[in-house]
Amino acid sequence: MPKSQKNDNELLRTWTLTADATLGSSIRAKGILQEIQARLPKTSKKAISFEGVDLILAMPIDERAAFNAAVSVVSKVMADAPRLPVIPREIQDILGMKASERHRWLADGRLPSAGTRTVRLAGRARQITFHVFDPDIVVDLLDRGAVDEWRVEDAEAKAEKRENAAYQAKLVRLAKKEKRSRKAAGVIDEPATGLRGWEDFDVDGLLR
């Protein structure tokens, strides 16, 4: 039986994830669920789950106090959901970008960061820090097709860089060719300037 169908031995509460919260991303929807689970006590984490676009909180009827506390937590997160920072895997899904593109556009300033967040990996002692993004800015980037524009800009910059590199290589080849030509001309024009005793030969007037 689906969890959304209440039975007499269960406490049940349902919330619907709206588009302004998920930004059309199933990955962000999962992120909201994980945010809720992170704020719930360990004993209540598995009580919340997805069913379609709904979040379902279901607990035994004899756990009313824990249920009410969980309802408060979930309601708070759901109210804040549209303002929750967008994390890397979410923005990649929402904007359809690759991780390499996210890193590049973040580094050159086209993708503005809303700060960083540090989390501890599940089951590990190591922590990771990553950039997060303002949901309003993400929506704006999505609406104006910024990713497509940036890809065109990158392609043009890459082509220009390739042309410049080819031009510089051509200049180097021409410089080497000219140097070889000058060297060859020097050997022909000054064949005897390095001969020993040439100055004495000239002093004797034998060259006149």
C-alpha atoms as a PDB file:
ATOM      1  CA  MET A   1       0.000   0.000   0.000  1.00  0.00           C
ATOM      2  CA  PRO A   2       1.381   3.448  -0.890  1.00  0.00           C
ATOM      3  CA  LYS A   3       2.489   5.449   2.104  1.00  0.00           C
ATOM      4  CA  SER A   4       0.136   8.256   1.111  1.00  0.00           C
ATOM      5  CA  GLN A   5      -2.764   5.969   2.046  1.00  0.00           C
ATOM      6  CA  LYS A   6      -3.119   6.292   5.773  1.00  0.00           C
ATOM      7  CA  ASN A   7      -3.919   3.353   8.022  1.00  0.00           C
ATOM      8  CA  ASP A   8      -5.188   3.415  11.590  1.00  0.00           C
ATOM      9  CA  ASN A   9      -1.824   2.442  13.065  1.00  0.00           C
ATOM     10  CA  GLU A  10       0.205   5.169  11.371  1.00  0.00           C
ATOM     11  CA  LEU A  11       0.731   8.907  11.590  1.00  0.00           C
ATOM     12  CA  LEU A  12       1.003  10.447   8.137  1.00  0.00           C
ATOM     13  CA  ARG A  13       1.804  13.873   6.699  1.00  0.00           C
ATOM     14  CA  THR A  14       2.379  14.853   3.065  1.00  0.00           C
ATOM     15  CA  TRP A  15       4.121  17.827   1.430  1.00  0.00           C
ATOM     16  CA  THR A  16       4.256  18.553  -2.301  1.00  0.00           C
ATOM     17  CA  LEU A  17       7.515  19.682  -3.864  1.00  0.00           C
ATOM     18  CA  THR A  18       6.791  22.662  -6.106  1.00  0.00           C
ATOM     19  CA  ALA A  19       8.686  23.700  -9.227  1.00  0.00           C
ATOM     20  CA  ASP A  20      10.028  26.834  -7.560  1.00  0.00           C
ATOM     21  CA  ALA A  21      11.645  24.585  -4.953  1.00  0.00           C
ATOM     22  CA  THR A  22      13.078  21.909  -7.252  1.00  0.00           C
ATOM     23  CA  LEU A  23      13.739  24.195 -10.262  1.00  0.00           C
ATOM     24  CA  GLY A  24      12.605  21.274 -12.377  1.00  0.00           C
ATOM     25  CA  SER A  25      15.432  19.043 -11.170  1.00  0.00           C
ATOM     26  CA  SER A  26      14.924  15.586  -9.713  1.00  0.00           C
ATOM     27  CA  ILE A  27      18.443  15.840  -8.307  1.00  0.00           C
ATOM     28  CA  ARG A  28      17.512  19.015  -6.423  1.00  0.00           C
ATOM     29  CA  ALA A  29      14.344  17.290  -5.189  1.00  0.00           C
ATOM     30  CA  LYS A  30      16.535  14.527  -3.790  1.00  0.00           C
ATOM     31  CA  GLY A  31      18.804  17.186  -2.304  1.00  0.00           C
ATOM     32  CA  ILE A  32      15.845  18.707  -0.450  1.00  0.00           C
ATOM     33  CA  LEU A  33      15.006  15.275   0.941  1.00  0.00           C
ATOM     34  CA  GLN A  34      18.614  14.848   2.063  1.00  0.00           C
ATOM     35  CA  GLU A  35      18.536  18.299   3.676  1.00  0.00           C
ATOM     36  CA  ILE A  36      15.472  17.235   5.656  1.00  0.00           C
ATOM     37  CA  GLN A  37      17.061  13.940   6.662  1.00  0.00           C
ATOM     38  CA  ALA A  38      20.192  15.762   7.798  1.00  0.00           C
ATOM     39  CA  ARG A  39      18.094  17.825  10.216  1.00  0.00           C
ATOM     40  CA  LEU A  40      16.051  14.938  11.564  1.00  0.00           C
ATOM     41  CA  PRO A  41      17.240  12.762  14.448  1.00  0.00           C
ATOM     42  CA  LYS A  42      18.718   9.431  13.427  1.00  0.00           C
ATOM     43  CA  THR A  43      15.611   7.529  14.510  1.00  0.00           C
ATOM     44  CA  SER A  44      13.387   9.585  12.196  1.00  0.00           C
ATOM     45  CA  LYS A  45      15.531   9.810   9.048  1.00  0.00           C
ATOM     46  CA  LYS A  46      13.935   6.807   7.343  1.00  0.00           C
ATOM     47  CA  ALA A  47      10.423   7.993   8.171  1.00  0.00           C
ATOM     48  CA  ILE A  48      10.515  10.545   5.328  1.00  0.00           C
ATOM     49  CA  SER A  49      10.453   9.420   1.698  1.00  0.00           C
ATOM     50  CA  PHE A  50       9.510  10.374  -1.855  1.00  0.00           C
ATOM     51  CA  GLU A  51       6.376   9.354  -3.676  1.00  0.00           C
ATOM     52  CA  GLY A  52       6.141  11.107  -7.030  1.00  0.00           C
ATOM     53  CA  VAL A  53       6.425  14.825  -6.280  1.00  0.00           C
ATOM     54  CA  ASP A  54       5.338  14.329  -2.692  1.00  0.00           C
ATOM     55  CA  LEU A  55       7.345  13.974   0.481  1.00  0.00           C
ATOM     56  CA  ILE A  56       5.699  11.525   2.850  1.00  0.00           C
ATOM     57  CA  LEU A  57       6.342  11.402   6.583  1.00  0.00           C
ATOM     58  CA  ALA A  58       5.008   8.201   8.115  1.00  0.00           C
ATOM     59  CA  MET A  59       5.565   7.025  11.686  1.00  0.00           C
ATOM     60  CA  PRO A  60       3.888   4.589  14.095  1.00  0.00           C
ATOM     61  CA  ILE A  61       0.929   6.035  15.955  1.00  0.00           C
ATOM     62  CA  ASP A  62       2.631   5.585  19.314  1.00  0.00           C
ATOM     63  CA  GLU A  63       5.465   7.957  18.290  1.00  0.00           C
ATOM     64  CA  ARG A  64       3.384  11.103  18.190  1.00  0.00           C
ATOM     65  CA  ALA A  65       5.944  13.293  19.953  1.00  0.00           C
ATOM     66  CA  ALA A  66       8.683  12.301  17.506  1.00  0.00           C
ATOM     67  CA  PHE A  67       6.221  12.693  14.641  1.00  0.00           C
ATOM     68  CA  ASN A  68       5.271  16.222  15.673  1.00  0.00           C
ATOM     69  CA  ALA A  69       8.940  17.171  16.001  1.00  0.00           C
ATOM     70  CA  ALA A  70       9.639  15.751  12.547  1.00  0.00           C
ATOM     71  CA  VAL A  71       6.664  17.619  11.071  1.00  0.00           C
ATOM     72  CA  SER A  72       8.123  20.851  12.406  1.00  0.00           C
ATOM     73  CA  VAL A  73      11.513  20.128  10.819  1.00  0.00           C
ATOM     74  CA  VAL A  74      10.073  19.122   7.448  1.00  0.00           C
ATOM     75  CA  SER A  75       7.713  22.103   7.348  1.00  0.00           C
ATOM     76  CA  LYS A  76      10.597  24.480   8.036  1.00  0.00           C
ATOM     77  CA  VAL A  77      12.755  22.997   5.265  1.00  0.00           C
ATOM     78  CA  MET A  78       9.854  23.002   2.811  1.00  0.00           C
ATOM     79  CA  ALA A  79       9.170  26.669   3.551  1.00  0.00           C
ATOM     80  CA  ASP A  80      12.848  27.460   2.982  1.00  0.00           C
ATOM     81  CA  ALA A  81      13.250  25.138  -0.030  1.00  0.00           C
ATOM     82  CA  PRO A  82      12.987  27.812  -2.763  1.00  0.00           C
ATOM     83  CA  ARG A  83      15.801  29.729  -1.039  1.00  0.00           C
ATOM     84  CA  LEU A  84      18.096  26.779  -0.330  1.00  0.00           C
ATOM     85  CA  PRO A  85      21.485  27.242  -2.040  1.00  0.00           C
ATOM     86  CA  VAL A  86      21.975  25.200  -5.188  1.00  0.00           C
ATOM     87  CA  ILE A  87      24.812  22.694  -4.847  1.00  0.00           C
ATOM     88  CA  PRO A  88      27.136  21.613  -7.711  1.00  0.00           C
ATOM     89  CA  ARG A  89      25.372  18.453  -8.870  1.00  0.00           C
ATOM     90  CA  GLU A  90      22.051  20.311  -8.807  1.00  0.00           C
ATOM     91  CA  ILE A  91      23.195  23.257 -10.918  1.00  0.00           C
ATOM     92  CA  GLN A  92      24.742  20.865 -13.420  1.00  0.00           C
ATOM     93  CA  ASP A  93      21.384  19.109 -13.762  1.00  0.00           C
ATOM     94  CA  ILE A  94      19.324  22.316 -13.865  1.00  0.00           C
ATOM     95  CA  LEU A  95      21.494  24.096 -16.440  1.00  0.00           C
ATOM     96  CA  GLY A  96      22.626  20.981 -18.300  1.00  0.00           C
ATOM     97  CA  MET A  97      26.334  21.642 -17.853  1.00  0.00           C
ATOM     98  CA  LYS A  98      29.321  19.389 -17.343  1.00  0.00           C
ATOM     99  CA  ALA A  99      31.486  19.482 -14.230  1.00  0.00           C
ATOM    100  CA  SER A 100      34.411  20.783 -16.310  1.00  0.00           C
ATOM    101  CA  GLU A 101      32.246  23.627 -17.609  1.00  0.00           C
ATOM    102  CA  ARG A 102      31.109  24.492 -14.088  1.00  0.00           C
ATOM    103  CA  HIS A 103      34.719  24.692 -12.920  1.00  0.00           C
ATOM    104  CA  ARG A 104      35.767  26.818 -15.909  1.00  0.00           C
ATOM    105  CA  TRP A 105      32.871  29.267 -15.711  1.00  0.00           C
ATOM    106  CA  LEU A 106      33.206  29.538 -11.958  1.00  0.00           C
ATOM    107  CA  ALA A 107      36.917  30.297 -12.324  1.00  0.00           C
ATOM    108  CA  ASP A 108      36.429  33.002 -14.973  1.00  0.00           C
ATOM    109  CA  GLY A 109      33.573  34.664 -13.089  1.00  0.00           C
ATOM    110  CA  ARG A 110      30.718  33.969 -15.470  1.00  0.00           C
ATOM    111  CA  LEU A 111      29.135  31.607 -12.942  1.00  0.00           C
ATOM    112  CA  PRO A 112      28.905  33.584  -9.689  1.00  0.00           C
ATOM    113  CA  SER A 113      29.354  31.734  -6.416  1.00  0.00           C
ATOM    114  CA  ALA A 114      27.095  32.357  -3.438  1.00  0.00           C
ATOM    115  CA  GLY A 115      29.779  31.118  -1.061  1.00  0.00           C
ATOM    116  CA  THR A 116      31.063  27.746   0.031  1.00  0.00           C
ATOM    117  CA  ARG A 117      29.729  24.886   2.089  1.00  0.00           C
ATOM    118  CA  THR A 118      31.657  22.240   3.994  1.00  0.00           C
ATOM    119  CA  VAL A 119      30.192  18.810   4.671  1.00  0.00           C
ATOM    120  CA  ARG A 120      31.476  15.560   6.083  1.00  0.00           C
ATOM    121  CA  LEU A 121      31.226  12.587   3.758  1.00  0.00           C
ATOM    122  CA  ALA A 122      28.949   9.852   5.040  1.00  0.00           C
ATOM    123  CA  GLY A 123      30.894   7.225   6.932  1.00  0.00           C
ATOM    124  CA  ARG A 124      34.181   9.088   6.534  1.00  0.00           C
ATOM    125  CA  ALA A 125      36.235  11.480   8.596  1.00  0.00           C
ATOM    126  CA  ARG A 126      37.160  13.600   5.587  1.00  0.00           C
ATOM    127  CA  GLN A 127      35.319  16.827   4.855  1.00  0.00           C
ATOM    128  CA  ILE A 128      34.807  18.457   1.479  1.00  0.00           C
ATOM    129  CA  THR A 129      34.203  22.111   0.653  1.00  0.00           C
ATOM    130  CA  PHE A 130      32.376  23.210  -2.470  1.00  0.00           C
ATOM    131  CA  HIS A 131      30.768  26.298  -3.975  1.00  0.00           C
ATOM    132  CA  VAL A 132      27.017  26.830  -3.786  1.00  0.00           C
ATOM    133  CA  PHE A 133      24.846  29.055  -5.955  1.00  0.00           C
ATOM    134  CA  ASP A 134      21.974  31.481  -5.478  1.00  0.00           C
ATOM    135  CA  PRO A 135      18.729  29.913  -6.785  1.00  0.00           C
ATOM    136  CA  ASP A 136      17.554  33.262  -8.202  1.00  0.00           C
ATOM    137  CA  ILE A 137      20.736  33.578 -10.259  1.00  0.00           C
ATOM    138  CA  VAL A 138      20.402  29.977 -11.417  1.00  0.00           C
ATOM    139  CA  VAL A 139      16.848  30.668 -12.604  1.00  0.00           C
ATOM    140  CA  ASP A 140      18.040  33.784 -14.453  1.00  0.00           C
ATOM    141  CA  LEU A 141      20.839  31.832 -16.155  1.00  0.00           C
ATOM    142  CA  LEU A 142      18.344  29.156 -17.143  1.00  0.00           C
ATOM    143  CA  ASP A 143      15.786  31.627 -18.506  1.00  0.00           C
ATOM    144  CA  ARG A 144      18.262  33.478 -20.718  1.00  0.00           C
ATOM    145  CA  GLY A 145      20.052  30.392 -21.994  1.00  0.00           C
ATOM    146  CA  ALA A 146      23.388  31.480 -20.566  1.00  0.00           C
ATOM    147  CA  VAL A 147      25.007  28.063 -20.925  1.00  0.00           C
ATOM    148  CA  ASP A 148      24.482  28.049 -24.699  1.00  0.00           C
ATOM    149  CA  GLU A 149      25.918  31.575 -24.926  1.00  0.00           C
ATOM    150  CA  TRP A 150      28.955  30.614 -22.887  1.00  0.00           C
ATOM    151  CA  ARG A 151      29.607  27.569 -25.032  1.00  0.00           C
ATOM    152  CA  VAL A 152      29.575  29.742 -28.159  1.00  0.00           C
ATOM    153  CA  GLU A 153      31.948  32.211 -26.485  1.00  0.00           C
ATOM    154  CA  ASP A 154      34.271  29.375 -25.480  1.00  0.00           C
ATOM    155  CA  ALA A 155      34.257  27.918 -28.984  1.00  0.00           C
ATOM    156  CA  GLU A 156      35.095  31.323 -30.484  1.00  0.00           C
ATOM    157  CA  ALA A 157      37.857  31.913 -27.935  1.00  0.00           C
ATOM    158  CA  LYS A 158      39.299  28.470 -28.635  1.00  0.00           C
ATOM    159  CA  ALA A 159      39.277  29.099 -32.389  1.00  0.00           C
ATOM    160  CA  GLU A 160      40.942  32.492 -31.908  1.00  0.00           C
ATOM    161  CA  LYS A 161      43.576  30.954 -29.663  1.00  0.00           C
ATOM    162  CA  ARG A 162      44.243  28.273 -32.256  1.00  0.00           C
ATOM    163  CA  GLU A 163      44.601  30.913 -34.998  1.00  0.00           C
ATOM    164  CA  ASN A 164      46.975  32.973 -32.852  1.00  0.00           C
ATOM    165  CA  ALA A 165      49.058  29.902 -32.111  1.00  0.00           C
ATOM    166  CA  ALA A 166      49.243  29.067 -35.818  1.00  0.00           C
ATOM    167  CA  TYR A 167      50.253  32.660 -36.630  1.00  0.00           C
ATOM    168  CA  GLN A 168      52.972  32.668 -33.970  1.00  0.00           C
ATOM    169  CA  ALA A 169      54.273  29.342 -35.268  1.00  0.00           C
ATOM    170  CA  LYS A 170      54.405  30.826 -38.773  1.00  0.00           C
ATOM    171  CA  LEU A 171      56.392  33.819 -37.506  1.00  0.00           C
ATOM    172  CA  VAL A 172      58.858  31.493 -35.807  1.00  0.00           C
ATOM    173  CA  ARG A 173      59.310  29.481 -39.005  1.00  0.00           C
ATOM    174  CA  LEU A 174      59.847  32.654 -41.052  1.00  0.00           C
ATOM    175  CA  ALA A 175      62.358  33.980 -38.519  1.00  0.00           C
ATOM    176  CA  LYS A 176      64.318  30.727 -38.651  1.00  0.00           C
ATOM    177  CA  LYS A 177      64.233  30.742 -42.440  1.00  0.00           C
ATOM    178  CA  GLU A 178      65.455  34.349 -42.556  1.00  0.00           C
ATOM    179  CA  LYS A 179      68.221  33.546 -40.092  1.00  0.00           C
ATOM    180  CA  ARG A 180      69.396  30.652 -42.246  1.00  0.00           C
ATOM    181  CA  SER A 181      69.320  32.894 -45.325  1.00  0.00           C
ATOM    182  CA  ARG A 182      71.405  35.588 -43.623  1.00  0.00           C
ATOM    183  CA  LYS A 183      73.885  33.015 -42.437  1.00  0.00           C
ATOM    184  CA  ALA A 184      74.265  31.604 -45.926  1.00  0.00           C
ATOM    185  CA  ALA A 185      74.699  35.097 -47.394  1.00  0.00           C
ATOM    186  CA  GLY A 186      77.346  35.922 -44.799  1.00  0.00           C
ATOM    187  CA  VAL A 187      79.442  32.928 -45.781  1.00  0.00           C
ATOM    188  CA  ILE A 188      79.407  33.983 -49.440  1.00  0.00           C
ATOM    189  CA  ASP A 189      80.036  37.717 -48.891  1.00  0.00           C
ATOM    190  CA  GLU A 190      82.879  37.360 -46.383  1.00  0.00           C
ATOM    191  CA  PRO A 191      84.822  34.252 -47.348  1.00  0.00           C
ATOM    192  CA  ALA A 192      88.320  35.363 -46.310  1.00  0.00           C
ATOM    193  CA  THR A 193      87.867  37.646 -43.318  1.00  0.00           C
ATOM    194  CA  GLY A 194      88.816  34.882 -40.956  1.00  0.00           C
ATOM    195  CA  LEU A 195      92.117  33.853 -42.638  1.00  0.00           C
ATOM    196  CA  ARG A 196      95.260  34.149 -40.502  1.00  0.00           C
ATOM    197  CA  GLY A 197      97.789  36.718 -41.778  1.00  0.00           C
ATOM    198  CA  TRP A 198      95.274  38.442 -44.021  1.00  0.00           C
ATOM    199  CA  GLU A 199      95.987  41.842 -42.393  1.00  0.00           C
ATOM    200  CA  ASP A 200      99.738  41.556 -43.173  1.00  0.00           C
ATOM    201  CA  PHE A 201      98.933  40.640 -46.726  1.00  0.00           C
ATOM    202  CA  ASP A 202      96.822  43.777 -46.997  1.00  0.00           C
ATOM    203  CA  VAL A 203      99.529  46.004 -45.433  1.00  0.00           C
ATOM    204  CA  ASP A 204     102.036  44.944 -48.090  1.00  0.00           C
ATOM    205  CA  GLY A 205      99.756  46.493 -50.657  1.00  0.00           C
ATOM    206  CA  LEU A 206      99.210  43.298 -52.478  1.00  0.00           C
ATOM    207  CA  LEU A 207      95.474  43.891 -52.460  1.00  0.00           C
ATOM    208  CA  ARG A 208      95.775  47.214 -54.318  1.00  0.00           C
END
